[in-house]
Amino acid sequence: MIRLFTVGGTTASAAIGFEAQSPTGDGCRVTFDDIRFTAESLSDPRDGS
């Protein structure tokens, strides 16, 4: 899932990063690979398409 938000009208600095979560259970272990940034919009941010 992609999370998108804006901070409109501010001049605050921002940090960008990656996160994994385990909303139920005892946690999780993750590995991020093949990370790419593109200048395009998602049609469905819930499934990343």
PDB file of N, CA and C in Angstrom:
ATOM      1  N   MET A   1       0.849  -1.165   0.000  1.00  0.00           N
ATOM      2  CA  MET A   1       0.000   0.000   0.000  1.00  0.00           C
ATOM      3  C   MET A   1       0.898   1.233   0.000  1.00  0.00           C
ATOM      4  N   ILE A   2       0.514   2.220  -0.755  1.00  0.00           N
ATOM      5  CA  ILE A   2       1.210   3.494  -0.809  1.00  0.00           C
ATOM      6  C   ILE A   2       0.454   4.482   0.068  1.00  0.00           C
ATOM      7  N   ARG A   3       1.173   5.221   0.901  1.00  0.00           N
ATOM      8  CA  ARG A   3       0.546   6.265   1.694  1.00  0.00           C
ATOM      9  C   ARG A   3       0.995   7.609   1.124  1.00  0.00           C
ATOM     10  N   LEU A   4       0.033   8.442   0.828  1.00  0.00           N
ATOM     11  CA  LEU A   4       0.294   9.739   0.231  1.00  0.00           C
ATOM     12  C   LEU A   4      -0.327  10.820   1.088  1.00  0.00           C
ATOM     13  N   PHE A   5       0.421  11.877   1.354  1.00  0.00           N
ATOM     14  CA  PHE A   5      -0.147  12.998   2.086  1.00  0.00           C
ATOM     15  C   PHE A   5       0.569  14.260   1.644  1.00  0.00           C
ATOM     16  N   THR A   6      -0.035  15.376   1.906  1.00  0.00           N
ATOM     17  CA  THR A   6       0.582  16.664   1.593  1.00  0.00           C
ATOM     18  C   THR A   6       0.607  17.511   2.842  1.00  0.00           C
ATOM     19  N   VAL A   7       1.541  18.425   2.857  1.00  0.00           N
ATOM     20  CA  VAL A   7       1.634  19.406   3.924  1.00  0.00           C
ATOM     21  C   VAL A   7       1.490  20.754   3.228  1.00  0.00           C
ATOM     22  N   GLY A   8       0.267  21.103   2.924  1.00  0.00           N
ATOM     23  CA  GLY A   8       0.003  22.310   2.163  1.00  0.00           C
ATOM     24  C   GLY A   8       0.252  23.582   2.948  1.00  0.00           C
ATOM     25  N   GLY A   9       0.820  24.563   2.266  1.00  0.00           N
ATOM     26  CA  GLY A   9       0.991  25.882   2.855  1.00  0.00           C
ATOM     27  C   GLY A   9       2.060  25.997   3.917  1.00  0.00           C
ATOM     28  N   THR A  10       2.955  25.029   4.019  1.00  0.00           N
ATOM     29  CA  THR A  10       4.007  25.127   5.030  1.00  0.00           C
ATOM     30  C   THR A  10       5.365  25.208   4.363  1.00  0.00           C
ATOM     31  N   THR A  11       6.325  25.675   5.108  1.00  0.00           N
ATOM     32  CA  THR A  11       7.703  25.708   4.630  1.00  0.00           C
ATOM     33  C   THR A  11       8.566  24.743   5.446  1.00  0.00           C
ATOM     34  N   ALA A  12       7.929  23.803   6.123  1.00  0.00           N
ATOM     35  CA  ALA A  12       8.658  22.857   6.970  1.00  0.00           C
ATOM     36  C   ALA A  12       9.458  21.882   6.113  1.00  0.00           C
ATOM     37  N   SER A  13      10.584  21.438   6.625  1.00  0.00           N
ATOM     38  CA  SER A  13      11.356  20.417   5.931  1.00  0.00           C
ATOM     39  C   SER A  13      10.713  19.059   6.167  1.00  0.00           C
ATOM     40  N   ALA A  14      11.015  18.116   5.306  1.00  0.00           N
ATOM     41  CA  ALA A  14      10.400  16.795   5.401  1.00  0.00           C
ATOM     42  C   ALA A  14      11.455  15.715   5.262  1.00  0.00           C
ATOM     43  N   ALA A  15      11.179  14.558   5.833  1.00  0.00           N
ATOM     44  CA  ALA A  15      12.020  13.383   5.677  1.00  0.00           C
ATOM     45  C   ALA A  15      11.222  12.326   4.929  1.00  0.00           C
ATOM     46  N   ILE A  16      11.873  11.653   4.010  1.00  0.00           N
ATOM     47  CA  ILE A  16      11.221  10.613   3.217  1.00  0.00           C
ATOM     48  C   ILE A  16      11.911   9.299   3.507  1.00  0.00           C
ATOM     49  N   GLY A  17      11.119   8.248   3.688  1.00  0.00           N
ATOM     50  CA  GLY A  17      11.721   6.963   3.982  1.00  0.00           C
ATOM     51  C   GLY A  17      10.775   5.826   3.693  1.00  0.00           C
ATOM     52  N   PHE A  18      11.118   4.657   4.128  1.00  0.00           N
ATOM     53  CA  PHE A  18      10.339   3.453   3.910  1.00  0.00           C
ATOM     54  C   PHE A  18       9.975   2.860   5.260  1.00  0.00           C
ATOM     55  N   GLU A  19       8.823   2.234   5.316  1.00  0.00           N
ATOM     56  CA  GLU A  19       8.340   1.689   6.575  1.00  0.00           C
ATOM     57  C   GLU A  19       7.608   0.381   6.306  1.00  0.00           C
ATOM     58  N   ALA A  20       7.714  -0.516   7.224  1.00  0.00           N
ATOM     59  CA  ALA A  20       6.911  -1.741   7.221  1.00  0.00           C
ATOM     60  C   ALA A  20       6.236  -1.824   8.576  1.00  0.00           C
ATOM     61  N   GLN A  21       5.059  -2.398   8.596  1.00  0.00           N
ATOM     62  CA  GLN A  21       4.365  -2.498   9.875  1.00  0.00           C
ATOM     63  C   GLN A  21       3.647  -3.833   9.985  1.00  0.00           C
ATOM     64  N   SER A  22       3.402  -4.211  11.192  1.00  0.00           N
ATOM     65  CA  SER A  22       2.658  -5.421  11.499  1.00  0.00           C
ATOM     66  C   SER A  22       1.521  -5.018  12.434  1.00  0.00           C
ATOM     67  N   PRO A  23       0.372  -4.590  11.863  1.00  0.00           N
ATOM     68  CA  PRO A  23      -0.703  -4.092  12.722  1.00  0.00           C
ATOM     69  C   PRO A  23      -1.287  -5.144  13.661  1.00  0.00           C
ATOM     70  N   THR A  24      -1.122  -6.393  13.337  1.00  0.00           N
ATOM     71  CA  THR A  24      -1.523  -7.467  14.248  1.00  0.00           C
ATOM     72  C   THR A  24      -0.356  -8.437  14.349  1.00  0.00           C
ATOM     73  N   GLY A  25      -0.168  -9.042  15.456  1.00  0.00           N
ATOM     74  CA  GLY A  25       0.926  -9.992  15.612  1.00  0.00           C
ATOM     75  C   GLY A  25       2.090  -9.394  16.365  1.00  0.00           C
ATOM     76  N   ASP A  26       3.199 -10.122  16.353  1.00  0.00           N
ATOM     77  CA  ASP A  26       4.374  -9.760  17.142  1.00  0.00           C
ATOM     78  C   ASP A  26       5.426  -8.982  16.365  1.00  0.00           C
ATOM     79  N   GLY A  27       5.116  -8.522  15.177  1.00  0.00           N
ATOM     80  CA  GLY A  27       6.095  -7.767  14.399  1.00  0.00           C
ATOM     81  C   GLY A  27       6.412  -8.467  13.091  1.00  0.00           C
ATOM     82  N   CYS A  28       7.371  -7.920  12.383  1.00  0.00           N
ATOM     83  CA  CYS A  28       7.752  -8.494  11.094  1.00  0.00           C
ATOM     84  C   CYS A  28       9.188  -8.108  10.776  1.00  0.00           C
ATOM     85  N   ARG A  29       9.769  -8.840   9.849  1.00  0.00           N
ATOM     86  CA  ARG A  29      11.105  -8.544   9.349  1.00  0.00           C
ATOM     87  C   ARG A  29      10.962  -8.292   7.855  1.00  0.00           C
ATOM     88  N   VAL A  30      11.534  -7.217   7.358  1.00  0.00           N
ATOM     89  CA  VAL A  30      11.370  -6.851   5.950  1.00  0.00           C
ATOM     90  C   VAL A  30      12.711  -6.523   5.318  1.00  0.00           C
ATOM     91  N   THR A  31      12.753  -6.656   4.010  1.00  0.00           N
ATOM     92  CA  THR A  31      13.893  -6.243   3.195  1.00  0.00           C
ATOM     93  C   THR A  31      13.352  -5.463   2.009  1.00  0.00           C
ATOM     94  N   PHE A  32      13.841  -4.259   1.805  1.00  0.00           N
ATOM     95  CA  PHE A  32      13.444  -3.462   0.654  1.00  0.00           C
ATOM     96  C   PHE A  32      14.508  -3.622  -0.420  1.00  0.00           C
ATOM     97  N   ASP A  33      14.083  -3.918  -1.636  1.00  0.00           N
ATOM     98  CA  ASP A  33      15.016  -3.967  -2.761  1.00  0.00           C
ATOM     99  C   ASP A  33      14.322  -3.467  -4.020  1.00  0.00           C
ATOM    100  N   ASP A  34      15.075  -3.147  -5.020  1.00  0.00           N
ATOM    101  CA  ASP A  34      14.568  -2.637  -6.293  1.00  0.00           C
ATOM    102  C   ASP A  34      13.685  -1.405  -6.077  1.00  0.00           C
ATOM    103  N   ILE A  35      14.170  -0.467  -5.270  1.00  0.00           N
ATOM    104  CA  ILE A  35      13.421   0.753  -4.964  1.00  0.00           C
ATOM    105  C   ILE A  35      13.628   1.747  -6.101  1.00  0.00           C
ATOM    106  N   ARG A  36      12.518   2.276  -6.611  1.00  0.00           N
ATOM    107  CA  ARG A  36      12.574   3.249  -7.702  1.00  0.00           C
ATOM    108  C   ARG A  36      11.602   4.383  -7.429  1.00  0.00           C
ATOM    109  N   PHE A  37      11.961   5.563  -7.851  1.00  0.00           N
ATOM    110  CA  PHE A  37      11.081   6.725  -7.765  1.00  0.00           C
ATOM    111  C   PHE A  37      10.666   7.096  -9.178  1.00  0.00           C
ATOM    112  N   THR A  38       9.392   7.361  -9.370  1.00  0.00           N
ATOM    113  CA  THR A  38       8.888   7.788 -10.672  1.00  0.00           C
ATOM    114  C   THR A  38       7.965   8.981 -10.490  1.00  0.00           C
ATOM    115  N   ALA A  39       7.881   9.806 -11.522  1.00  0.00           N
ATOM    116  CA  ALA A  39       6.996  10.978 -11.497  1.00  0.00           C
ATOM    117  C   ALA A  39       5.675  10.612 -12.149  1.00  0.00           C
ATOM    118  N   GLU A  40       4.877   9.825 -11.459  1.00  0.00           N
ATOM    119  CA  GLU A  40       3.576   9.426 -11.980  1.00  0.00           C
ATOM    120  C   GLU A  40       2.608   9.249 -10.822  1.00  0.00           C
ATOM    121  N   SER A  41       1.336   9.323 -11.129  1.00  0.00           N
ATOM    122  CA  SER A  41       0.298   9.122 -10.121  1.00  0.00           C
ATOM    123  C   SER A  41      -0.195   7.681 -10.142  1.00  0.00           C
ATOM    124  N   LEU A  42      -0.661   7.217  -9.007  1.00  0.00           N
ATOM    125  CA  LEU A  42      -1.214   5.868  -8.915  1.00  0.00           C
ATOM    126  C   LEU A  42      -2.726   5.940  -9.089  1.00  0.00           C
ATOM    127  N   SER A  43      -3.271   5.003  -9.840  1.00  0.00           N
ATOM    128  CA  SER A  43      -4.725   4.969  -9.974  1.00  0.00           C
ATOM    129  C   SER A  43      -5.378   4.355  -8.736  1.00  0.00           C
ATOM    130  N   ASP A  44      -4.683   3.429  -8.071  1.00  0.00           N
ATOM    131  CA  ASP A  44      -5.200   2.810  -6.841  1.00  0.00           C
ATOM    132  C   ASP A  44      -4.072   2.719  -5.819  1.00  0.00           C
ATOM    133  N   PRO A  45      -3.949   3.686  -4.903  1.00  0.00           N
ATOM    134  CA  PRO A  45      -2.846   3.664  -3.951  1.00  0.00           C
ATOM    135  C   PRO A  45      -2.917   2.501  -2.952  1.00  0.00           C
ATOM    136  N   ARG A  46      -4.039   1.831  -2.844  1.00  0.00           N
ATOM    137  CA  ARG A  46      -4.132   0.714  -1.901  1.00  0.00           C
ATOM    138  C   ARG A  46      -3.393  -0.524  -2.396  1.00  0.00           C
ATOM    139  N   ASP A  47      -3.303  -0.706  -3.725  1.00  0.00           N
ATOM    140  CA  ASP A  47      -2.565  -1.866  -4.226  1.00  0.00           C
ATOM    141  C   ASP A  47      -1.327  -1.476  -5.026  1.00  0.00           C
ATOM    142  N   GLY A  48      -1.017  -0.179  -5.087  1.00  0.00           N
ATOM    143  CA  GLY A  48       0.195   0.286  -5.746  1.00  0.00           C
ATOM    144  C   GLY A  48       0.130   0.334  -7.258  1.00  0.00           C
ATOM    145  N   SER A  49      -1.055   0.138  -7.853  1.00  0.00           N
ATOM    146  CA  SER A  49      -1.143   0.149  -9.325  1.00  0.00           C
ATOM    147  C   SER A  49      -1.407   1.544  -9.855  1.00  0.00           C
TER     148      SER A  49
END
